[in-house]
Amino acid sequence: MSFPNFFLSLCIIAILGLTGEVNAKENLKFIETTGRAVIDQEQQIDVSRRRALEDALYLAALHGGAKINGFSSVKTDTSIEENLVVQPSSRILDYTILAEEKSATHYIVKLRAAVGQLNNKKCDGRGIKTISLFQPVIEIDPNAPFWVNELTVEIINTMIDTYSSKRNVVLNTYLSTYLDIEKLNSVNDQFDYISLTSGRDRTQHGDYSLVPSIKISTGQRLSGFNSYETMFLEFQTNLYEGEKYLMDFSKSKSIEVLLKSGGPWRTLNLFLASTKETIVAPIIEEARNHVIEIVDQIGCKPVQSRIFLADGKLEVPLGQKHGITLSSLAVAKGEITPFSILRVEKLLKTKAILVPLNDSLNLEKLSGKTVQFLENM
């Protein structure tokens, strides 16, 4: 192998090794780099400063991974020349300048950059979701079997147990409280008698309200000489967001079960005969699956809220109860860079104080923006 090809192979192995190392880590990482630019006496110092900054940003992007494109070209003397094009595979999301220095010949810029790709496709239980389950809506056909009332209680208990078993869910149950959204949005608790005496069950900012409903009906159909009595069940769950109880989504599931069959063939009737146990078991399993679907959809919802300026600090009305931890990262739309990265500096149960990565940013311009926390993204 010739020296140029050997050198090219070493470069590819080294850069691919760097890329593999980065891909094995999380999508977002912080990197400190130093950029240098020669001071040209004939140009203004701002030109050298900008070139040093560009050099530092390019190095930071390369540390986040690189794409390699190679090609060969034939010279006029028929020798082959290898060409290598190296491009960053990650983005500079935000950065802050740590230090600047000017020597006799060079301008030097040291910075810290947030490099990577923000992945919004993952939804493996982002944060902790606090859910309040209010009084279920239950409709039962008068022609349904007598034991159906007990079945609805078992279904609701199964739902509660399934919600409570999920690690990213904190469940509050208010089974005897009807969720009157219009009343809750119109009442001022400071002047309301019930609120002042016994209190009203309310959902807080960043939390969710849930109202399950169960509708049970019966039917009969004929097929040849046989008749079949069936029961239809429909589970529906309405989910509301925040203290304003805004409809977030509604999910339903319908199932049909055979209660009894009749016909001239006794053997077939015995074969198709159903017992309470064989009817209830699949219904309970479907109720459990319905809850799992709800939890999965809630888990995909990002932990986000608006930030505002209070006493010179950036606050967000989300805290420990929402799964945020000290030094958690959040991202907002940037002014100069694509994003502004913020870090949790102080944490309370329902409030967090954030500081931007770039400490030169105007906090008033960040106030009012929506931030999304990067945990489990």
Foldseek 3Di string as FASTA:
>chain_A
DDPVVVVVVVVVVVQVVLQVVLVVDDFKDKDKFKFKFWDDPVDDVVVQVVRRVVRRQQVVLSSNHKDKDKDWDADPVRDIDIDIDIHRPKDFQDKAWDDWDDDPTMTMTMIMTIIGDQDLPDQPQAFAAEEEEEAAAEAEDPPDDPCVVVLVVVLVVLLVVLQVPDPRYHYHYHRPDDDDLVVLVPDDLVPDPCCVPVRDDFFAARYKYKYKYKYKDWDWDDDVQKIWIKMKIKIKMWMAHHRNRHTDDMDMDMDMDTAAMDGPDPVVRVVPHDDPVNRSVVVSVVSSVRSVVVSSVVSSDFRKDFWAADPNWIKGQAFVNRRDDAQFWKWWQDDPGRIWIWGFHDGDHGMTTIATNHNVDDVRVRHGTMITTRPRD
